[in-house]
Amino acid sequence: MPKKVKVLVADDEPKILMFVRANLEARGYEVSLAQDGVEAVEIAGRVSPDVIVLDVNMPRMDGIEACRRIREWGNMPIIILSVREDEKDKVRALDEGADDYMTKPFGIEELLARIRVALRHSTGVISTAPSLEGGGLEIDFSHRIVKRYGEIVKLTKTEYELLTYLASNSGKVLTHKQILHSVWGPEYGEESEYVRVFMRQLRSKIEDDPSNPRFIITEPRVGYRFVKPE
């Protein structure tokens, strides 16, 4: 029998917890529940879940602090749940180590899809692969070559570092601050315009239609997500 995937879901709304548990268990997941951040941190340390889903607004300890505490020792994917207005909370959570976020209310199929993406990311398949191909784009990490429909794309050093950082975290939401720290350096963090300018340049070189991108998707007021087409 294959090992069941363990999912920890933390939310202070009992109806949401019951709804999510019923749907995940029906699809073969092993589910643990927590009703606040303190309980979520305790259960995460005890059961070592494969994926954690944390609501931002919880009593005793909010989801962002719980994420930060878990990140002190754990590297499992963390998905944050946030109401639509809480853009700052989403950014803070991602900067504290969350891998993705979902806006409430959400559908179970979207949650299942986000969990599958998080699990794929946690395996390291993309980040350790020598190349990435899809939709006419090819990134050869070992030789630092990018091709579009077989033709070499001329990128600057910064454009290449930006693309490979996004692609190696395929499916994961990356905030402006995370991108600045990784591509420009730890002394950067507030220069979001740098990211926007280079994203425009990069899209103009790798996207068929830069105004309707397939690879680099904007997460409004949060950051960007790289999507590998099938």
C-alpha atoms as a PDB file:
ATOM      1  CA  MET A   1       0.000   0.000   0.000  1.00  0.00           C
ATOM      2  CA  PRO A   2       1.422   3.452  -0.909  1.00  0.00           C
ATOM      3  CA  LYS A   3       2.048   5.822   1.992  1.00  0.00           C
ATOM      4  CA  LYS A   4      -0.783   8.325   2.481  1.00  0.00           C
ATOM      5  CA  VAL A   5       0.016  11.995   2.035  1.00  0.00           C
ATOM      6  CA  LYS A   6      -0.425  13.814   5.338  1.00  0.00           C
ATOM      7  CA  VAL A   7      -2.093  17.231   5.286  1.00  0.00           C
ATOM      8  CA  LEU A   8      -2.461  19.565   8.265  1.00  0.00           C
ATOM      9  CA  VAL A   9      -5.289  22.107   7.952  1.00  0.00           C
ATOM     10  CA  ALA A  10      -5.546  24.967  10.474  1.00  0.00           C
ATOM     11  CA  ASP A  11      -8.587  27.254  10.569  1.00  0.00           C
ATOM     12  CA  ASP A  12     -10.766  28.644  13.354  1.00  0.00           C
ATOM     13  CA  GLU A  13     -13.964  27.979  11.405  1.00  0.00           C
ATOM     14  CA  PRO A  14     -15.222  24.440  12.248  1.00  0.00           C
ATOM     15  CA  LYS A  15     -17.370  24.227   9.107  1.00  0.00           C
ATOM     16  CA  ILE A  16     -14.363  24.852   6.884  1.00  0.00           C
ATOM     17  CA  LEU A  17     -12.316  22.258   8.751  1.00  0.00           C
ATOM     18  CA  MET A  18     -15.034  19.628   8.394  1.00  0.00           C
ATOM     19  CA  PHE A  19     -15.577  20.447   4.714  1.00  0.00           C
ATOM     20  CA  VAL A  20     -11.901  20.232   3.871  1.00  0.00           C
ATOM     21  CA  ARG A  21     -11.284  17.084   5.912  1.00  0.00           C
ATOM     22  CA  ALA A  22     -14.212  15.240   4.339  1.00  0.00           C
ATOM     23  CA  ASN A  23     -13.075  16.086   0.819  1.00  0.00           C
ATOM     24  CA  LEU A  24      -9.401  15.341   1.384  1.00  0.00           C
ATOM     25  CA  GLU A  25     -10.044  12.057   3.180  1.00  0.00           C
ATOM     26  CA  ALA A  26     -12.407  11.004   0.384  1.00  0.00           C
ATOM     27  CA  ARG A  27      -9.425  11.347  -1.980  1.00  0.00           C
ATOM     28  CA  GLY A  28      -7.071   9.323   0.167  1.00  0.00           C
ATOM     29  CA  TYR A  29      -5.268  11.996   2.168  1.00  0.00           C
ATOM     30  CA  GLU A  30      -4.511  11.627   5.878  1.00  0.00           C
ATOM     31  CA  VAL A  31      -5.781  14.816   7.520  1.00  0.00           C
ATOM     32  CA  SER A  32      -4.943  16.510  10.829  1.00  0.00           C
ATOM     33  CA  LEU A  33      -6.897  19.551  12.041  1.00  0.00           C
ATOM     34  CA  ALA A  34      -5.989  22.558  14.185  1.00  0.00           C
ATOM     35  CA  GLN A  35      -8.198  25.445  15.308  1.00  0.00           C
ATOM     36  CA  ASP A  36      -5.495  28.002  16.068  1.00  0.00           C
ATOM     37  CA  GLY A  37      -1.848  28.750  15.371  1.00  0.00           C
ATOM     38  CA  VAL A  38      -0.492  27.328  18.621  1.00  0.00           C
ATOM     39  CA  GLU A  39      -2.214  24.013  17.967  1.00  0.00           C
ATOM     40  CA  ALA A  40      -1.022  24.053  14.342  1.00  0.00           C
ATOM     41  CA  VAL A  41       2.637  24.435  15.376  1.00  0.00           C
ATOM     42  CA  GLU A  42       2.304  21.673  17.974  1.00  0.00           C
ATOM     43  CA  ILE A  43       0.637  19.231  15.585  1.00  0.00           C
ATOM     44  CA  ALA A  44       3.090  20.036  12.787  1.00  0.00           C
ATOM     45  CA  GLY A  45       5.991  19.152  15.070  1.00  0.00           C
ATOM     46  CA  ARG A  46       4.321  15.939  16.178  1.00  0.00           C
ATOM     47  CA  VAL A  47       3.038  14.469  12.896  1.00  0.00           C
ATOM     48  CA  SER A  48       5.425  16.044  10.309  1.00  0.00           C
ATOM     49  CA  PRO A  49       2.777  16.637   7.611  1.00  0.00           C
ATOM     50  CA  ASP A  50       3.675  16.632   3.926  1.00  0.00           C
ATOM     51  CA  VAL A  51       1.653  19.816   3.330  1.00  0.00           C
ATOM     52  CA  ILE A  52       0.282  22.460   5.713  1.00  0.00           C
ATOM     53  CA  VAL A  53      -2.719  24.728   5.026  1.00  0.00           C
ATOM     54  CA  LEU A  54      -2.863  27.721   7.400  1.00  0.00           C
ATOM     55  CA  ASP A  55      -5.557  30.370   7.729  1.00  0.00           C
ATOM     56  CA  VAL A  56      -4.119  33.825   8.440  1.00  0.00           C
ATOM     57  CA  ASN A  57      -6.689  34.955  11.002  1.00  0.00           C
ATOM     58  CA  MET A  58      -6.706  32.528  13.941  1.00  0.00           C
ATOM     59  CA  PRO A  59      -6.818  33.025  17.729  1.00  0.00           C
ATOM     60  CA  ARG A  60      -3.852  32.679  20.116  1.00  0.00           C
ATOM     61  CA  MET A  61      -1.382  32.718  17.211  1.00  0.00           C
ATOM     62  CA  ASP A  62      -2.122  33.842  13.652  1.00  0.00           C
ATOM     63  CA  GLY A  63      -1.168  31.865  10.567  1.00  0.00           C
ATOM     64  CA  ILE A  64       1.782  34.102   9.690  1.00  0.00           C
ATOM     65  CA  GLU A  65       3.440  33.621  13.071  1.00  0.00           C
ATOM     66  CA  ALA A  66       2.658  29.897  12.918  1.00  0.00           C
ATOM     67  CA  CYS A  67       4.317  29.772   9.500  1.00  0.00           C
ATOM     68  CA  ARG A  68       7.383  31.549  10.868  1.00  0.00           C
ATOM     69  CA  ARG A  69       7.633  29.147  13.822  1.00  0.00           C
ATOM     70  CA  ILE A  70       7.287  26.076  11.613  1.00  0.00           C
ATOM     71  CA  ARG A  71       9.916  27.413   9.198  1.00  0.00           C
ATOM     72  CA  GLU A  72      12.433  27.439  12.054  1.00  0.00           C
ATOM     73  CA  TRP A  73      12.671  23.657  11.710  1.00  0.00           C
ATOM     74  CA  GLY A  74      10.448  22.416   8.864  1.00  0.00           C
ATOM     75  CA  ASN A  75      10.650  22.748   5.075  1.00  0.00           C
ATOM     76  CA  MET A  76       7.313  21.185   4.100  1.00  0.00           C
ATOM     77  CA  PRO A  77       5.128  23.250   1.731  1.00  0.00           C
ATOM     78  CA  ILE A  78       2.823  25.752   3.452  1.00  0.00           C
ATOM     79  CA  ILE A  79      -0.293  27.164   1.788  1.00  0.00           C
ATOM     80  CA  ILE A  80      -1.823  30.287   3.345  1.00  0.00           C
ATOM     81  CA  LEU A  81      -5.568  31.033   3.334  1.00  0.00           C
ATOM     82  CA  SER A  82      -6.425  34.734   3.287  1.00  0.00           C
ATOM     83  CA  VAL A  83      -9.510  36.846   2.667  1.00  0.00           C
ATOM     84  CA  ARG A  84      -9.445  38.893  -0.521  1.00  0.00           C
ATOM     85  CA  GLU A  85      -8.631  42.233   1.152  1.00  0.00           C
ATOM     86  CA  ASP A  86      -5.580  40.972   3.038  1.00  0.00           C
ATOM     87  CA  GLU A  87      -2.914  41.583   0.372  1.00  0.00           C
ATOM     88  CA  LYS A  88      -0.391  42.690   2.993  1.00  0.00           C
ATOM     89  CA  ASP A  89      -0.993  39.502   4.967  1.00  0.00           C
ATOM     90  CA  LYS A  90      -0.368  37.409   1.854  1.00  0.00           C
ATOM     91  CA  VAL A  91       2.921  39.172   1.185  1.00  0.00           C
ATOM     92  CA  ARG A  92       4.013  38.891   4.823  1.00  0.00           C
ATOM     93  CA  ALA A  93       3.176  35.201   4.889  1.00  0.00           C
ATOM     94  CA  LEU A  94       5.105  34.500   1.697  1.00  0.00           C
ATOM     95  CA  ASP A  95       8.068  36.478   2.976  1.00  0.00           C
ATOM     96  CA  GLU A  96       7.986  34.402   6.170  1.00  0.00           C
ATOM     97  CA  GLY A  97       8.320  31.201   4.162  1.00  0.00           C
ATOM     98  CA  ALA A  98       4.878  30.229   2.879  1.00  0.00           C
ATOM     99  CA  ASP A  99       4.908  28.615  -0.570  1.00  0.00           C
ATOM    100  CA  ASP A 100       1.502  29.662  -1.859  1.00  0.00           C
ATOM    101  CA  TYR A 101      -1.711  31.392  -0.883  1.00  0.00           C
ATOM    102  CA  MET A 102      -5.393  30.978  -1.628  1.00  0.00           C
ATOM    103  CA  THR A 103      -8.166  33.530  -1.318  1.00  0.00           C
ATOM    104  CA  LYS A 104     -11.235  32.698   0.752  1.00  0.00           C
ATOM    105  CA  PRO A 105     -13.799  31.562  -0.149  1.00  0.00           C
ATOM    106  CA  PHE A 106     -12.220  28.790  -2.216  1.00  0.00           C
ATOM    107  CA  GLY A 107     -13.327  25.676  -4.051  1.00  0.00           C
ATOM    108  CA  ILE A 108     -12.119  22.215  -3.099  1.00  0.00           C
ATOM    109  CA  GLU A 109     -10.800  21.527  -6.604  1.00  0.00           C
ATOM    110  CA  GLU A 110      -8.575  24.607  -6.406  1.00  0.00           C
ATOM    111  CA  LEU A 111      -7.273  23.507  -3.009  1.00  0.00           C
ATOM    112  CA  LEU A 112      -6.534  20.020  -4.339  1.00  0.00           C
ATOM    113  CA  ALA A 113      -4.683  21.513  -7.302  1.00  0.00           C
ATOM    114  CA  ARG A 114      -2.608  23.763  -5.025  1.00  0.00           C
ATOM    115  CA  ILE A 115      -1.749  20.776  -2.817  1.00  0.00           C
ATOM    116  CA  ARG A 116      -0.620  18.762  -5.857  1.00  0.00           C
ATOM    117  CA  VAL A 117       1.582  21.647  -7.038  1.00  0.00           C
ATOM    118  CA  ALA A 118       3.030  22.045  -3.535  1.00  0.00           C
ATOM    119  CA  LEU A 119       3.855  18.344  -3.366  1.00  0.00           C
ATOM    120  CA  ARG A 120       5.546  18.428  -6.766  1.00  0.00           C
ATOM    121  CA  HIS A 121       7.582  21.432  -5.667  1.00  0.00           C
ATOM    122  CA  SER A 122       8.596  19.746  -2.412  1.00  0.00           C
ATOM    123  CA  THR A 123      10.097  16.805  -4.301  1.00  0.00           C
ATOM    124  CA  GLY A 124      12.640  19.151  -5.854  1.00  0.00           C
ATOM    125  CA  VAL A 125      12.030  17.686  -9.313  1.00  0.00           C
ATOM    126  CA  ILE A 126      12.110  21.032 -11.058  1.00  0.00           C
ATOM    127  CA  SER A 127      14.796  22.736  -9.031  1.00  0.00           C
ATOM    128  CA  THR A 128      17.275  19.856  -9.475  1.00  0.00           C
ATOM    129  CA  ALA A 129      16.500  19.008 -13.093  1.00  0.00           C
ATOM    130  CA  PRO A 130      19.228  19.876 -15.648  1.00  0.00           C
ATOM    131  CA  SER A 131      16.668  21.462 -17.976  1.00  0.00           C
ATOM    132  CA  LEU A 132      13.079  22.594 -18.218  1.00  0.00           C
ATOM    133  CA  GLU A 133      11.026  22.399 -21.395  1.00  0.00           C
ATOM    134  CA  GLY A 134       7.457  23.252 -22.317  1.00  0.00           C
ATOM    135  CA  GLY A 135       5.392  25.488 -24.541  1.00  0.00           C
ATOM    136  CA  GLY A 136       8.291  26.183 -26.897  1.00  0.00           C
ATOM    137  CA  LEU A 137      10.585  27.357 -24.073  1.00  0.00           C
ATOM    138  CA  GLU A 138      13.719  25.442 -23.090  1.00  0.00           C
ATOM    139  CA  ILE A 139      15.987  26.331 -20.169  1.00  0.00           C
ATOM    140  CA  ASP A 140      19.259  24.412 -19.972  1.00  0.00           C
ATOM    141  CA  PHE A 141      20.403  25.075 -16.407  1.00  0.00           C
ATOM    142  CA  SER A 142      23.712  23.218 -16.726  1.00  0.00           C
ATOM    143  CA  HIS A 143      24.844  25.200 -19.788  1.00  0.00           C
ATOM    144  CA  ARG A 144      22.980  28.447 -18.962  1.00  0.00           C
ATOM    145  CA  ILE A 145      21.229  28.450 -22.340  1.00  0.00           C
ATOM    146  CA  VAL A 146      17.643  29.546 -23.005  1.00  0.00           C
ATOM    147  CA  LYS A 147      15.883  28.714 -26.261  1.00  0.00           C
ATOM    148  CA  ARG A 148      12.506  29.699 -27.673  1.00  0.00           C
ATOM    149  CA  TYR A 149      11.204  27.402 -30.397  1.00  0.00           C
ATOM    150  CA  GLY A 150      14.757  26.133 -30.905  1.00  0.00           C
ATOM    151  CA  GLU A 151      16.356  29.576 -31.236  1.00  0.00           C
ATOM    152  CA  ILE A 152      18.764  30.844 -28.577  1.00  0.00           C
ATOM    153  CA  VAL A 153      17.365  33.748 -26.560  1.00  0.00           C
ATOM    154  CA  LYS A 154      19.934  36.401 -25.665  1.00  0.00           C
ATOM    155  CA  LEU A 155      19.456  37.348 -22.031  1.00  0.00           C
ATOM    156  CA  THR A 156      21.458  39.632 -19.791  1.00  0.00           C
ATOM    157  CA  LYS A 157      22.969  38.112 -16.643  1.00  0.00           C
ATOM    158  CA  THR A 158      20.202  39.603 -14.495  1.00  0.00           C
ATOM    159  CA  GLU A 159      17.455  38.445 -16.879  1.00  0.00           C
ATOM    160  CA  TYR A 160      18.869  34.924 -16.833  1.00  0.00           C
ATOM    161  CA  GLU A 161      19.173  34.845 -13.029  1.00  0.00           C
ATOM    162  CA  LEU A 162      15.611  36.127 -12.752  1.00  0.00           C
ATOM    163  CA  LEU A 163      14.253  33.516 -15.153  1.00  0.00           C
ATOM    164  CA  THR A 164      16.075  30.597 -13.543  1.00  0.00           C
ATOM    165  CA  TYR A 165      15.001  31.671 -10.055  1.00  0.00           C
ATOM    166  CA  LEU A 166      11.370  31.772 -11.190  1.00  0.00           C
ATOM    167  CA  ALA A 167      11.609  28.509 -13.142  1.00  0.00           C
ATOM    168  CA  SER A 168      13.379  26.607 -10.365  1.00  0.00           C
ATOM    169  CA  ASN A 169      10.463  27.567  -8.114  1.00  0.00           C
ATOM    170  CA  SER A 170       7.840  26.697 -10.741  1.00  0.00           C
ATOM    171  CA  GLY A 171       4.305  26.882  -9.381  1.00  0.00           C
ATOM    172  CA  LYS A 172       5.354  28.809  -6.269  1.00  0.00           C
ATOM    173  CA  VAL A 173       4.307  32.396  -5.591  1.00  0.00           C
ATOM    174  CA  LEU A 174       7.405  34.567  -5.141  1.00  0.00           C
ATOM    175  CA  THR A 175       7.105  38.009  -3.585  1.00  0.00           C
ATOM    176  CA  HIS A 176       8.929  41.097  -4.831  1.00  0.00           C
ATOM    177  CA  LYS A 177      11.139  40.981  -1.732  1.00  0.00           C
ATOM    178  CA  GLN A 178      12.050  37.311  -2.234  1.00  0.00           C
ATOM    179  CA  ILE A 179      12.960  37.981  -5.864  1.00  0.00           C
ATOM    180  CA  LEU A 180      15.041  41.040  -4.979  1.00  0.00           C
ATOM    181  CA  HIS A 181      16.928  39.171  -2.248  1.00  0.00           C
ATOM    182  CA  SER A 182      17.676  36.195  -4.486  1.00  0.00           C
ATOM    183  CA  VAL A 183      18.508  37.964  -7.757  1.00  0.00           C
ATOM    184  CA  TRP A 184      19.859  41.375  -6.702  1.00  0.00           C
ATOM    185  CA  GLY A 185      21.133  40.537  -3.221  1.00  0.00           C
ATOM    186  CA  PRO A 186      20.136  40.604   0.469  1.00  0.00           C
ATOM    187  CA  GLU A 187      20.631  44.387   0.698  1.00  0.00           C
ATOM    188  CA  TYR A 188      17.657  44.853  -1.665  1.00  0.00           C
ATOM    189  CA  GLY A 189      14.044  44.515  -0.605  1.00  0.00           C
ATOM    190  CA  GLU A 190      12.017  47.635  -1.354  1.00  0.00           C
ATOM    191  CA  GLU A 191      12.973  48.281  -4.997  1.00  0.00           C
ATOM    192  CA  SER A 192       9.922  46.614  -6.543  1.00  0.00           C
ATOM    193  CA  GLU A 193      10.265  48.737  -9.683  1.00  0.00           C
ATOM    194  CA  TYR A 194      13.475  46.851 -10.515  1.00  0.00           C
ATOM    195  CA  VAL A 195      11.494  43.626 -10.618  1.00  0.00           C
ATOM    196  CA  ARG A 196       8.700  45.084 -12.738  1.00  0.00           C
ATOM    197  CA  VAL A 197      11.126  46.539 -15.304  1.00  0.00           C
ATOM    198  CA  PHE A 198      13.078  43.310 -15.699  1.00  0.00           C
ATOM    199  CA  MET A 199       9.894  41.237 -15.833  1.00  0.00           C
ATOM    200  CA  ARG A 200       8.716  43.332 -18.769  1.00  0.00           C
ATOM    201  CA  GLN A 201      12.049  42.824 -20.523  1.00  0.00           C
ATOM    202  CA  LEU A 202      12.065  39.102 -19.818  1.00  0.00           C
ATOM    203  CA  ARG A 203       8.498  38.626 -21.005  1.00  0.00           C
ATOM    204  CA  SER A 204       9.287  40.472 -24.236  1.00  0.00           C
ATOM    205  CA  LYS A 205      11.954  37.852 -24.953  1.00  0.00           C
ATOM    206  CA  ILE A 206      10.299  34.575 -23.925  1.00  0.00           C
ATOM    207  CA  GLU A 207       6.537  35.112 -24.243  1.00  0.00           C
ATOM    208  CA  ASP A 208       4.562  34.823 -27.491  1.00  0.00           C
ATOM    209  CA  ASP A 209       2.304  37.620 -26.246  1.00  0.00           C
ATOM    210  CA  PRO A 210       3.939  39.569 -23.393  1.00  0.00           C
ATOM    211  CA  SER A 211       0.617  41.262 -22.574  1.00  0.00           C
ATOM    212  CA  ASN A 212      -0.976  37.841 -22.055  1.00  0.00           C
ATOM    213  CA  PRO A 213       1.889  35.755 -20.627  1.00  0.00           C
ATOM    214  CA  ARG A 214       1.864  31.976 -20.356  1.00  0.00           C
ATOM    215  CA  PHE A 215       5.038  31.490 -18.315  1.00  0.00           C
ATOM    216  CA  ILE A 216       5.393  34.436 -15.915  1.00  0.00           C
ATOM    217  CA  ILE A 217       2.075  35.170 -14.218  1.00  0.00           C
ATOM    218  CA  THR A 218       1.544  38.291 -12.124  1.00  0.00           C
ATOM    219  CA  GLU A 219       0.056  37.815  -8.665  1.00  0.00           C
ATOM    220  CA  PRO A 220      -1.406  41.338  -8.174  1.00  0.00           C
ATOM    221  CA  ARG A 221       0.244  43.347  -5.388  1.00  0.00           C
ATOM    222  CA  VAL A 222       2.082  40.212  -4.243  1.00  0.00           C
ATOM    223  CA  GLY A 223       4.646  39.010  -6.794  1.00  0.00           C
ATOM    224  CA  TYR A 224       4.959  36.473  -9.579  1.00  0.00           C
ATOM    225  CA  ARG A 225       4.486  32.790 -10.321  1.00  0.00           C
ATOM    226  CA  PHE A 226       6.226  30.798 -13.052  1.00  0.00           C
ATOM    227  CA  VAL A 227       3.946  28.315 -14.820  1.00  0.00           C
ATOM    228  CA  LYS A 228       5.346  25.510 -16.967  1.00  0.00           C
ATOM    229  CA  PRO A 229       2.863  24.711 -19.762  1.00  0.00           C
ATOM    230  CA  GLU A 230       2.109  21.048 -20.281  1.00  0.00           C
END
